[in-house]
Amino acid sequence: MAGAGHKHPNYMAIFWYLAILTVLEIGVVFLPFGKFTNGVMLCALAVGKAALVAMYFMHLRFETKTLGWIAVTPLAIATLLVFVLLPDGFAVAKKTDDSKKVAPAAASKH
């Protein structure tokens, strides 16, 4: 019988951990740091919550290591995708900022 050897986790404890992490996320929003720092802290808390859900509610903690690697692989690919697309996002923001600077100068010539 597969999976008969592990005891059931304390789901209420996991619920309270998730609730505490949610309160911390709400608190991070009001911290006087920059957007980037707040974003990094919020992402770290979200990854922690996702790990708790995956480990206990999806029962990955009690599975073989191979299944765990299969679950982590999409996270690594998504992280790589974000870093690959970041330069494009900054290019669009810069182009938008440049067009805002040019528009008032062109309007004053008329």
PDB file of N, CA and C in Angstrom:
ATOM      1  N   MET A   1       0.840  -1.180   0.000  1.00  0.00           N
ATOM      2  CA  MET A   1       0.000   0.000   0.000  1.00  0.00           C
ATOM      3  C   MET A   1       0.884   1.243   0.000  1.00  0.00           C
ATOM      4  N   ALA A   2       0.779   2.017  -1.051  1.00  0.00           N
ATOM      5  CA  ALA A   2       1.576   3.229  -1.166  1.00  0.00           C
ATOM      6  C   ALA A   2       0.972   4.348  -0.326  1.00  0.00           C
ATOM      7  N   GLY A   3       1.817   5.059   0.397  1.00  0.00           N
ATOM      8  CA  GLY A   3       1.348   6.209   1.161  1.00  0.00           C
ATOM      9  C   GLY A   3       0.747   5.867   2.515  1.00  0.00           C
ATOM     10  N   ALA A   4       0.719   4.584   2.897  1.00  0.00           N
ATOM     11  CA  ALA A   4       0.113   4.213   4.170  1.00  0.00           C
ATOM     12  C   ALA A   4       1.054   4.487   5.345  1.00  0.00           C
ATOM     13  N   GLY A   5       2.330   4.753   5.071  1.00  0.00           N
ATOM     14  CA  GLY A   5       3.317   4.901   6.118  1.00  0.00           C
ATOM     15  C   GLY A   5       3.405   6.278   6.751  1.00  0.00           C
ATOM     16  N   HIS A   6       2.691   7.270   6.250  1.00  0.00           N
ATOM     17  CA  HIS A   6       2.824   8.608   6.828  1.00  0.00           C
ATOM     18  C   HIS A   6       1.560   8.981   7.595  1.00  0.00           C
ATOM     19  N   LYS A   7       1.780   9.810   8.613  1.00  0.00           N
ATOM     20  CA  LYS A   7       0.625  10.277   9.386  1.00  0.00           C
ATOM     21  C   LYS A   7       0.063  11.539   8.726  1.00  0.00           C
ATOM     22  N   HIS A   8      -1.171  11.812   8.989  1.00  0.00           N
ATOM     23  CA  HIS A   8      -1.815  12.980   8.403  1.00  0.00           C
ATOM     24  C   HIS A   8      -1.306  14.250   9.070  1.00  0.00           C
ATOM     25  N   PRO A   9      -1.040  15.280   8.268  1.00  0.00           N
ATOM     26  CA  PRO A   9      -0.549  16.533   8.860  1.00  0.00           C
ATOM     27  C   PRO A   9      -1.659  17.245   9.624  1.00  0.00           C
ATOM     28  N   ASN A  10      -1.246  18.143  10.479  1.00  0.00           N
ATOM     29  CA  ASN A  10      -2.186  18.957  11.245  1.00  0.00           C
ATOM     30  C   ASN A  10      -2.653  20.095  10.331  1.00  0.00           C
ATOM     31  N   TYR A  11      -3.780  19.911   9.689  1.00  0.00           N
ATOM     32  CA  TYR A  11      -4.269  20.878   8.714  1.00  0.00           C
ATOM     33  C   TYR A  11      -4.615  22.219   9.348  1.00  0.00           C
ATOM     34  N   MET A  12      -5.042  22.221  10.580  1.00  0.00           N
ATOM     35  CA  MET A  12      -5.352  23.491  11.240  1.00  0.00           C
ATOM     36  C   MET A  12      -4.078  24.296  11.493  1.00  0.00           C
ATOM     37  N   ALA A  13      -2.986  23.628  11.818  1.00  0.00           N
ATOM     38  CA  ALA A  13      -1.712  24.335  11.998  1.00  0.00           C
ATOM     39  C   ALA A  13      -1.269  24.959  10.675  1.00  0.00           C
ATOM     40  N   ILE A  14      -1.413  24.224   9.588  1.00  0.00           N
ATOM     41  CA  ILE A  14      -1.054  24.761   8.266  1.00  0.00           C
ATOM     42  C   ILE A  14      -1.952  25.949   7.930  1.00  0.00           C
ATOM     43  N   PHE A  15      -3.233  25.845   8.248  1.00  0.00           N
ATOM     44  CA  PHE A  15      -4.152  26.959   8.027  1.00  0.00           C
ATOM     45  C   PHE A  15      -3.680  28.203   8.772  1.00  0.00           C
ATOM     46  N   TRP A  16      -3.285  28.037  10.029  1.00  0.00           N
ATOM     47  CA  TRP A  16      -2.856  29.192  10.814  1.00  0.00           C
ATOM     48  C   TRP A  16      -1.539  29.763  10.291  1.00  0.00           C
ATOM     49  N   TYR A  17      -0.628  28.908   9.829  1.00  0.00           N
ATOM     50  CA  TYR A  17       0.600  29.408   9.200  1.00  0.00           C
ATOM     51  C   TYR A  17       0.269  30.236   7.965  1.00  0.00           C
ATOM     52  N   LEU A  18      -0.657  29.743   7.150  1.00  0.00           N
ATOM     53  CA  LEU A  18      -1.059  30.484   5.950  1.00  0.00           C
ATOM     54  C   LEU A  18      -1.734  31.805   6.320  1.00  0.00           C
ATOM     55  N   ALA A  19      -2.543  31.789   7.368  1.00  0.00           N
ATOM     56  CA  ALA A  19      -3.206  33.024   7.814  1.00  0.00           C
ATOM     57  C   ALA A  19      -2.173  34.044   8.299  1.00  0.00           C
ATOM     58  N   ILE A  20      -1.184  33.579   9.054  1.00  0.00           N
ATOM     59  CA  ILE A  20      -0.132  34.482   9.540  1.00  0.00           C
ATOM     60  C   ILE A  20       0.657  35.064   8.371  1.00  0.00           C
ATOM     61  N   LEU A  21       0.988  34.229   7.382  1.00  0.00           N
ATOM     62  CA  LEU A  21       1.704  34.730   6.207  1.00  0.00           C
ATOM     63  C   LEU A  21       0.860  35.746   5.442  1.00  0.00           C
ATOM     64  N   THR A  22      -0.447  35.560   5.400  1.00  0.00           N
ATOM     65  CA  THR A  22      -1.322  36.518   4.731  1.00  0.00           C
ATOM     66  C   THR A  22      -1.330  37.850   5.471  1.00  0.00           C
ATOM     67  N   VAL A  23      -1.373  37.807   6.789  1.00  0.00           N
ATOM     68  CA  VAL A  23      -1.320  39.046   7.576  1.00  0.00           C
ATOM     69  C   VAL A  23       0.025  39.743   7.354  1.00  0.00           C
ATOM     70  N   LEU A  24       1.105  38.979   7.293  1.00  0.00           N
ATOM     71  CA  LEU A  24       2.419  39.568   7.013  1.00  0.00           C
ATOM     72  C   LEU A  24       2.448  40.231   5.635  1.00  0.00           C
ATOM     73  N   GLU A  25       1.803  39.593   4.647  1.00  0.00           N
ATOM     74  CA  GLU A  25       1.738  40.199   3.310  1.00  0.00           C
ATOM     75  C   GLU A  25       1.008  41.539   3.347  1.00  0.00           C
ATOM     76  N   ILE A  26      -0.077  41.586   4.079  1.00  0.00           N
ATOM     77  CA  ILE A  26      -0.817  42.842   4.199  1.00  0.00           C
ATOM     78  C   ILE A  26       0.039  43.890   4.897  1.00  0.00           C
ATOM     79  N   GLY A  27       0.802  43.477   5.909  1.00  0.00           N
ATOM     80  CA  GLY A  27       1.685  44.397   6.609  1.00  0.00           C
ATOM     81  C   GLY A  27       2.810  44.911   5.721  1.00  0.00           C
ATOM     82  N   VAL A  28       3.327  44.075   4.825  1.00  0.00           N
ATOM     83  CA  VAL A  28       4.415  44.476   3.926  1.00  0.00           C
ATOM     84  C   VAL A  28       3.973  45.616   3.018  1.00  0.00           C
ATOM     85  N   VAL A  29       2.730  45.625   2.630  1.00  0.00           N
ATOM     86  CA  VAL A  29       2.225  46.670   1.737  1.00  0.00           C
ATOM     87  C   VAL A  29       2.390  48.051   2.364  1.00  0.00           C
ATOM     88  N   PHE A  30       2.294  48.129   3.664  1.00  0.00           N
ATOM     89  CA  PHE A  30       2.356  49.413   4.349  1.00  0.00           C
ATOM     90  C   PHE A  30       3.759  49.788   4.826  1.00  0.00           C
ATOM     91  N   LEU A  31       4.757  48.962   4.540  1.00  0.00           N
ATOM     92  CA  LEU A  31       6.128  49.280   4.946  1.00  0.00           C
ATOM     93  C   LEU A  31       6.684  50.423   4.094  1.00  0.00           C
ATOM     94  N   PRO A  32       7.564  51.237   4.671  1.00  0.00           N
ATOM     95  CA  PRO A  32       8.059  52.423   3.949  1.00  0.00           C
ATOM     96  C   PRO A  32       9.243  52.129   3.014  1.00  0.00           C
ATOM     97  N   PHE A  33       9.277  50.968   2.402  1.00  0.00           N
ATOM     98  CA  PHE A  33      10.347  50.634   1.479  1.00  0.00           C
ATOM     99  C   PHE A  33       9.910  50.948   0.057  1.00  0.00           C
ATOM    100  N   GLY A  34      10.828  50.817  -0.878  1.00  0.00           N
ATOM    101  CA  GLY A  34      10.509  51.049  -2.280  1.00  0.00           C
ATOM    102  C   GLY A  34       9.648  49.939  -2.858  1.00  0.00           C
ATOM    103  N   LYS A  35       9.142  50.186  -4.057  1.00  0.00           N
ATOM    104  CA  LYS A  35       8.275  49.197  -4.707  1.00  0.00           C
ATOM    105  C   LYS A  35       9.011  47.888  -4.954  1.00  0.00           C
ATOM    106  N   PHE A  36      10.275  47.990  -5.357  1.00  0.00           N
ATOM    107  CA  PHE A  36      11.035  46.778  -5.653  1.00  0.00           C
ATOM    108  C   PHE A  36      11.204  45.923  -4.397  1.00  0.00           C
ATOM    109  N   THR A  37      11.581  46.546  -3.290  1.00  0.00           N
ATOM    110  CA  THR A  37      11.784  45.812  -2.036  1.00  0.00           C
ATOM    111  C   THR A  37      10.477  45.195  -1.557  1.00  0.00           C
ATOM    112  N   ASN A  38       9.404  45.953  -1.613  1.00  0.00           N
ATOM    113  CA  ASN A  38       8.096  45.403  -1.228  1.00  0.00           C
ATOM    114  C   ASN A  38       7.710  44.247  -2.140  1.00  0.00           C
ATOM    115  N   GLY A  39       7.980  44.390  -3.428  1.00  0.00           N
ATOM    116  CA  GLY A  39       7.658  43.322  -4.374  1.00  0.00           C
ATOM    117  C   GLY A  39       8.431  42.051  -4.084  1.00  0.00           C
ATOM    118  N   VAL A  40       9.716  42.194  -3.759  1.00  0.00           N
ATOM    119  CA  VAL A  40      10.534  41.022  -3.433  1.00  0.00           C
ATOM    120  C   VAL A  40      10.017  40.346  -2.166  1.00  0.00           C
ATOM    121  N   MET A  41       9.682  41.141  -1.157  1.00  0.00           N
ATOM    122  CA  MET A  41       9.160  40.564   0.087  1.00  0.00           C
ATOM    123  C   MET A  41       7.816  39.872  -0.147  1.00  0.00           C
ATOM    124  N   LEU A  42       6.950  40.487  -0.937  1.00  0.00           N
ATOM    125  CA  LEU A  42       5.651  39.867  -1.225  1.00  0.00           C
ATOM    126  C   LEU A  42       5.822  38.572  -2.013  1.00  0.00           C
ATOM    127  N   CYS A  43       6.748  38.569  -2.962  1.00  0.00           N
ATOM    128  CA  CYS A  43       6.998  37.346  -3.737  1.00  0.00           C
ATOM    129  C   CYS A  43       7.548  36.240  -2.847  1.00  0.00           C
ATOM    130  N   ALA A  44       8.454  36.586  -1.928  1.00  0.00           N
ATOM    131  CA  ALA A  44       9.016  35.584  -1.022  1.00  0.00           C
ATOM    132  C   ALA A  44       7.918  34.988  -0.134  1.00  0.00           C
ATOM    133  N   LEU A  45       7.041  35.824   0.387  1.00  0.00           N
ATOM    134  CA  LEU A  45       5.941  35.321   1.214  1.00  0.00           C
ATOM    135  C   LEU A  45       4.987  34.455   0.384  1.00  0.00           C
ATOM    136  N   ALA A  46       4.732  34.853  -0.858  1.00  0.00           N
ATOM    137  CA  ALA A  46       3.843  34.063  -1.718  1.00  0.00           C
ATOM    138  C   ALA A  46       4.454  32.706  -2.047  1.00  0.00           C
ATOM    139  N   VAL A  47       5.760  32.666  -2.276  1.00  0.00           N
ATOM    140  CA  VAL A  47       6.426  31.385  -2.542  1.00  0.00           C
ATOM    141  C   VAL A  47       6.357  30.494  -1.303  1.00  0.00           C
ATOM    142  N   GLY A  48       6.522  31.090  -0.127  1.00  0.00           N
ATOM    143  CA  GLY A  48       6.394  30.315   1.110  1.00  0.00           C
ATOM    144  C   GLY A  48       5.007  29.723   1.274  1.00  0.00           C
ATOM    145  N   LYS A  49       3.990  30.522   0.975  1.00  0.00           N
ATOM    146  CA  LYS A  49       2.616  30.018   1.068  1.00  0.00           C
ATOM    147  C   LYS A  49       2.366  28.927   0.040  1.00  0.00           C
ATOM    148  N   ALA A  50       2.861  29.124  -1.168  1.00  0.00           N
ATOM    149  CA  ALA A  50       2.680  28.106  -2.210  1.00  0.00           C
ATOM    150  C   ALA A  50       3.378  26.810  -1.820  1.00  0.00           C
ATOM    151  N   ALA A  51       4.552  26.924  -1.199  1.00  0.00           N
ATOM    152  CA  ALA A  51       5.271  25.726  -0.764  1.00  0.00           C
ATOM    153  C   ALA A  51       4.488  24.976   0.307  1.00  0.00           C
ATOM    154  N   LEU A  52       3.912  25.710   1.257  1.00  0.00           N
ATOM    155  CA  LEU A  52       3.100  25.050   2.290  1.00  0.00           C
ATOM    156  C   LEU A  52       1.907  24.323   1.680  1.00  0.00           C
ATOM    157  N   VAL A  53       1.233  24.983   0.765  1.00  0.00           N
ATOM    158  CA  VAL A  53       0.066  24.353   0.122  1.00  0.00           C
ATOM    159  C   VAL A  53       0.491  23.124  -0.664  1.00  0.00           C
ATOM    160  N   ALA A  54       1.573  23.242  -1.427  1.00  0.00           N
ATOM    161  CA  ALA A  54       2.021  22.110  -2.235  1.00  0.00           C
ATOM    162  C   ALA A  54       2.487  20.951  -1.353  1.00  0.00           C
ATOM    163  N   MET A  55       3.219  21.261  -0.293  1.00  0.00           N
ATOM    164  CA  MET A  55       3.761  20.191   0.547  1.00  0.00           C
ATOM    165  C   MET A  55       2.686  19.446   1.329  1.00  0.00           C
ATOM    166  N   TYR A  56       1.704  20.176   1.855  1.00  0.00           N
ATOM    167  CA  TYR A  56       0.760  19.521   2.753  1.00  0.00           C
ATOM    168  C   TYR A  56      -0.605  19.256   2.136  1.00  0.00           C
ATOM    169  N   PHE A  57      -1.177  20.207   1.420  1.00  0.00           N
ATOM    170  CA  PHE A  57      -2.508  19.983   0.851  1.00  0.00           C
ATOM    171  C   PHE A  57      -2.442  19.169  -0.436  1.00  0.00           C
ATOM    172  N   MET A  58      -1.305  19.255  -1.146  1.00  0.00           N
ATOM    173  CA  MET A  58      -1.128  18.436  -2.344  1.00  0.00           C
ATOM    174  C   MET A  58      -0.301  17.180  -2.027  1.00  0.00           C
ATOM    175  N   HIS A  59       0.094  17.030  -0.770  1.00  0.00           N
ATOM    176  CA  HIS A  59       0.782  15.846  -0.253  1.00  0.00           C
ATOM    177  C   HIS A  59       2.131  15.583  -0.930  1.00  0.00           C
ATOM    178  N   LEU A  60       2.801  16.612  -1.448  1.00  0.00           N
ATOM    179  CA  LEU A  60       4.107  16.410  -2.072  1.00  0.00           C
ATOM    180  C   LEU A  60       5.184  16.087  -1.041  1.00  0.00           C
ATOM    181  N   ARG A  61       4.966  16.471   0.207  1.00  0.00           N
ATOM    182  CA  ARG A  61       5.950  16.186   1.253  1.00  0.00           C
ATOM    183  C   ARG A  61       6.118  14.689   1.456  1.00  0.00           C
ATOM    184  N   PHE A  62       5.097  13.934   1.160  1.00  0.00           N
ATOM    185  CA  PHE A  62       5.123  12.496   1.409  1.00  0.00           C
ATOM    186  C   PHE A  62       5.389  11.690   0.150  1.00  0.00           C
ATOM    187  N   GLU A  63       5.696  12.349  -0.941  1.00  0.00           N
ATOM    188  CA  GLU A  63       5.964  11.663  -2.203  1.00  0.00           C
ATOM    189  C   GLU A  63       7.461  11.457  -2.398  1.00  0.00           C
ATOM    190  N   THR A  64       7.798  10.809  -3.487  1.00  0.00           N
ATOM    191  CA  THR A  64       9.214  10.573  -3.795  1.00  0.00           C
ATOM    192  C   THR A  64       9.873  11.871  -4.250  1.00  0.00           C
ATOM    193  N   LYS A  65      11.183  11.892  -4.207  1.00  0.00           N
ATOM    194  CA  LYS A  65      11.944  13.089  -4.603  1.00  0.00           C
ATOM    195  C   LYS A  65      11.708  13.420  -6.083  1.00  0.00           C
ATOM    196  N   THR A  66      11.536  12.433  -6.917  1.00  0.00           N
ATOM    197  CA  THR A  66      11.335  12.674  -8.349  1.00  0.00           C
ATOM    198  C   THR A  66      10.073  13.491  -8.590  1.00  0.00           C
ATOM    199  N   LEU A  67       9.008  13.162  -7.890  1.00  0.00           N
ATOM    200  CA  LEU A  67       7.764  13.912  -8.055  1.00  0.00           C
ATOM    201  C   LEU A  67       7.933  15.348  -7.564  1.00  0.00           C
ATOM    202  N   GLY A  68       8.734  15.534  -6.536  1.00  0.00           N
ATOM    203  CA  GLY A  68       9.027  16.888  -6.060  1.00  0.00           C
ATOM    204  C   GLY A  68       9.762  17.705  -7.108  1.00  0.00           C
ATOM    205  N   TRP A  69      10.748  17.097  -7.769  1.00  0.00           N
ATOM    206  CA  TRP A  69      11.481  17.803  -8.833  1.00  0.00           C
ATOM    207  C   TRP A  69      10.559  18.125 -10.002  1.00  0.00           C
ATOM    208  N   ILE A  70       9.644  17.235 -10.289  1.00  0.00           N
ATOM    209  CA  ILE A  70       8.685  17.500 -11.366  1.00  0.00           C
ATOM    210  C   ILE A  70       7.806  18.697 -10.995  1.00  0.00           C
ATOM    211  N   ALA A  71       7.488  18.863  -9.741  1.00  0.00           N
ATOM    212  CA  ALA A  71       6.665  19.989  -9.308  1.00  0.00           C
ATOM    213  C   ALA A  71       7.457  21.293  -9.285  1.00  0.00           C
ATOM    214  N   VAL A  72       8.763  21.227  -9.009  1.00  0.00           N
ATOM    215  CA  VAL A  72       9.591  22.433  -8.915  1.00  0.00           C
ATOM    216  C   VAL A  72      10.033  22.933 -10.293  1.00  0.00           C
ATOM    217  N   THR A  73      10.123  22.060 -11.272  1.00  0.00           N
ATOM    218  CA  THR A  73      10.612  22.433 -12.597  1.00  0.00           C
ATOM    219  C   THR A  73       9.813  23.573 -13.233  1.00  0.00           C
ATOM    220  N   PRO A  74       8.477  23.582 -13.228  1.00  0.00           N
ATOM    221  CA  PRO A  74       7.759  24.727 -13.802  1.00  0.00           C
ATOM    222  C   PRO A  74       8.052  26.043 -13.090  1.00  0.00           C
ATOM    223  N   LEU A  75       8.316  26.005 -11.799  1.00  0.00           N
ATOM    224  CA  LEU A  75       8.668  27.219 -11.064  1.00  0.00           C
ATOM    225  C   LEU A  75       9.992  27.780 -11.582  1.00  0.00           C
ATOM    226  N   ALA A  76      10.955  26.904 -11.818  1.00  0.00           N
ATOM    227  CA  ALA A  76      12.244  27.344 -12.361  1.00  0.00           C
ATOM    228  C   ALA A  76      12.075  27.922 -13.767  1.00  0.00           C
ATOM    229  N   ILE A  77      11.256  27.295 -14.582  1.00  0.00           N
ATOM    230  CA  ILE A  77      11.022  27.789 -15.942  1.00  0.00           C
ATOM    231  C   ILE A  77      10.311  29.142 -15.899  1.00  0.00           C
ATOM    232  N   ALA A  78       9.340  29.303 -15.011  1.00  0.00           N
ATOM    233  CA  ALA A  78       8.629  30.582 -14.899  1.00  0.00           C
ATOM    234  C   ALA A  78       9.564  31.689 -14.434  1.00  0.00           C
ATOM    235  N   THR A  79      10.462  31.378 -13.500  1.00  0.00           N
ATOM    236  CA  THR A  79      11.433  32.365 -13.035  1.00  0.00           C
ATOM    237  C   THR A  79      12.351  32.779 -14.173  1.00  0.00           C
ATOM    238  N   LEU A  80      12.822  31.820 -14.943  1.00  0.00           N
ATOM    239  CA  LEU A  80      13.673  32.120 -16.100  1.00  0.00           C
ATOM    240  C   LEU A  80      12.924  32.997 -17.099  1.00  0.00           C
ATOM    241  N   LEU A  81      11.670  32.704 -17.334  1.00  0.00           N
ATOM    242  CA  LEU A  81      10.866  33.491 -18.264  1.00  0.00           C
ATOM    243  C   LEU A  81      10.735  34.936 -17.805  1.00  0.00           C
ATOM    244  N   VAL A  82      10.548  35.136 -16.514  1.00  0.00           N
ATOM    245  CA  VAL A  82      10.447  36.506 -15.993  1.00  0.00           C
ATOM    246  C   VAL A  82      11.734  37.269 -16.271  1.00  0.00           C
ATOM    247  N   PHE A  83      12.888  36.656 -15.999  1.00  0.00           N
ATOM    248  CA  PHE A  83      14.153  37.339 -16.219  1.00  0.00           C
ATOM    249  C   PHE A  83      14.434  37.575 -17.701  1.00  0.00           C
ATOM    250  N   VAL A  84      13.947  36.702 -18.562  1.00  0.00           N
ATOM    251  CA  VAL A  84      14.126  36.899 -19.998  1.00  0.00           C
ATOM    252  C   VAL A  84      13.266  38.057 -20.491  1.00  0.00           C
ATOM    253  N   LEU A  85      12.075  38.233 -19.922  1.00  0.00           N
ATOM    254  CA  LEU A  85      11.156  39.273 -20.380  1.00  0.00           C
ATOM    255  C   LEU A  85      11.357  40.624 -19.698  1.00  0.00           C
ATOM    256  N   LEU A  86      12.130  40.688 -18.626  1.00  0.00           N
ATOM    257  CA  LEU A  86      12.344  41.950 -17.919  1.00  0.00           C
ATOM    258  C   LEU A  86      12.919  43.050 -18.813  1.00  0.00           C
ATOM    259  N   PRO A  87      13.921  42.786 -19.640  1.00  0.00           N
ATOM    260  CA  PRO A  87      14.447  43.869 -20.485  1.00  0.00           C
ATOM    261  C   PRO A  87      13.383  44.486 -21.395  1.00  0.00           C
ATOM    262  N   ASP A  88      12.475  43.688 -21.919  1.00  0.00           N
ATOM    263  CA  ASP A  88      11.407  44.221 -22.762  1.00  0.00           C
ATOM    264  C   ASP A  88      10.483  45.135 -21.970  1.00  0.00           C
ATOM    265  N   GLY A  89      10.188  44.761 -20.740  1.00  0.00           N
ATOM    266  CA  GLY A  89       9.327  45.595 -19.905  1.00  0.00           C
ATOM    267  C   GLY A  89       9.961  46.939 -19.608  1.00  0.00           C
ATOM    268  N   PHE A  90      11.272  46.943 -19.350  1.00  0.00           N
ATOM    269  CA  PHE A  90      11.963  48.207 -19.089  1.00  0.00           C
ATOM    270  C   PHE A  90      12.053  49.052 -20.358  1.00  0.00           C
ATOM    271  N   ALA A  91      12.191  48.417 -21.514  1.00  0.00           N
ATOM    272  CA  ALA A  91      12.267  49.157 -22.774  1.00  0.00           C
ATOM    273  C   ALA A  91      10.947  49.872 -23.048  1.00  0.00           C
ATOM    274  N   VAL A  92       9.834  49.225 -22.793  1.00  0.00           N
ATOM    275  CA  VAL A  92       8.524  49.845 -23.002  1.00  0.00           C
ATOM    276  C   VAL A  92       8.343  51.006 -22.035  1.00  0.00           C
ATOM    277  N   ALA A  93       8.763  50.841 -20.787  1.00  0.00           N
ATOM    278  CA  ALA A  93       8.626  51.918 -19.812  1.00  0.00           C
ATOM    279  C   ALA A  93       9.475  53.113 -20.223  1.00  0.00           C
ATOM    280  N   LYS A  94      10.683  52.881 -20.716  1.00  0.00           N
ATOM    281  CA  LYS A  94      11.556  53.971 -21.138  1.00  0.00           C
ATOM    282  C   LYS A  94      10.967  54.678 -22.351  1.00  0.00           C
ATOM    283  N   LYS A  95      10.448  53.922 -23.300  1.00  0.00           N
ATOM    284  CA  LYS A  95       9.846  54.516 -24.487  1.00  0.00           C
ATOM    285  C   LYS A  95       8.644  55.369 -24.098  1.00  0.00           C
ATOM    286  N   THR A  96       7.849  54.898 -23.149  1.00  0.00           N
ATOM    287  CA  THR A  96       6.690  55.659 -22.681  1.00  0.00           C
ATOM    288  C   THR A  96       7.144  56.950 -22.013  1.00  0.00           C
ATOM    289  N   ASP A  97       8.189  56.895 -21.193  1.00  0.00           N
ATOM    290  CA  ASP A  97       8.699  58.097 -20.534  1.00  0.00           C
ATOM    291  C   ASP A  97       9.228  59.095 -21.563  1.00  0.00           C
ATOM    292  N   ASP A  98       9.929  58.619 -22.589  1.00  0.00           N
ATOM    293  CA  ASP A  98      10.462  59.501 -23.624  1.00  0.00           C
ATOM    294  C   ASP A  98       9.352  60.174 -24.419  1.00  0.00           C
ATOM    295  N   SER A  99       8.271  59.455 -24.689  1.00  0.00           N
ATOM    296  CA  SER A  99       7.184  60.044 -25.464  1.00  0.00           C
ATOM    297  C   SER A  99       6.442  61.110 -24.652  1.00  0.00           C
ATOM    298  N   LYS A 100       6.409  60.966 -23.333  1.00  0.00           N
ATOM    299  CA  LYS A 100       5.769  61.985 -22.496  1.00  0.00           C
ATOM    300  C   LYS A 100       6.584  63.273 -22.485  1.00  0.00           C
ATOM    301  N   LYS A 101       7.903  63.152 -22.589  1.00  0.00           N
ATOM    302  CA  LYS A 101       8.764  64.338 -22.596  1.00  0.00           C
ATOM    303  C   LYS A 101       8.679  65.083 -23.928  1.00  0.00           C
ATOM    304  N   VAL A 102       8.500  64.354 -25.018  1.00  0.00           N
ATOM    305  CA  VAL A 102       8.466  64.966 -26.350  1.00  0.00           C
ATOM    306  C   VAL A 102       7.116  65.615 -26.621  1.00  0.00           C
ATOM    307  N   ALA A 103       6.044  65.052 -26.141  1.00  0.00           N
ATOM    308  CA  ALA A 103       4.704  65.560 -26.448  1.00  0.00           C
ATOM    309  C   ALA A 103       4.487  67.017 -26.028  1.00  0.00           C
ATOM    310  N   PRO A 104       4.852  67.468 -24.839  1.00  0.00           N
ATOM    311  CA  PRO A 104       4.624  68.872 -24.491  1.00  0.00           C
ATOM    312  C   PRO A 104       5.460  69.824 -25.337  1.00  0.00           C
ATOM    313  N   ALA A 105       6.663  69.434 -25.728  1.00  0.00           N
ATOM    314  CA  ALA A 105       7.503  70.299 -26.561  1.00  0.00           C
ATOM    315  C   ALA A 105       6.896  70.473 -27.946  1.00  0.00           C
ATOM    316  N   ALA A 106       6.341  69.390 -28.486  1.00  0.00           N
ATOM    317  CA  ALA A 106       5.722  69.468 -29.812  1.00  0.00           C
ATOM    318  C   ALA A 106       4.440  70.310 -29.756  1.00  0.00           C
ATOM    319  N   ALA A 107       3.687  70.242 -28.660  1.00  0.00           N
ATOM    320  CA  ALA A 107       2.449  70.998 -28.538  1.00  0.00           C
ATOM    321  C   ALA A 107       2.720  72.492 -28.400  1.00  0.00           C
ATOM    322  N   SER A 108       3.855  72.903 -27.830  1.00  0.00           N
ATOM    323  CA  SER A 108       4.125  74.313 -27.641  1.00  0.00           C
ATOM    324  C   SER A 108       4.575  75.009 -28.936  1.00  0.00           C
ATOM    325  N   LYS A 109       4.988  74.247 -29.934  1.00  0.00           N
ATOM    326  CA  LYS A 109       5.415  74.825 -31.217  1.00  0.00           C
ATOM    327  C   LYS A 109       4.229  75.325 -32.028  1.00  0.00           C
ATOM    328  N   HIS A 110       3.061  74.834 -31.781  1.00  0.00           N
ATOM    329  CA  HIS A 110       1.892  75.202 -32.597  1.00  0.00           C
ATOM    330  C   HIS A 110       1.289  76.435 -32.079  1.00  0.00           C
TER     331      HIS A 110
END
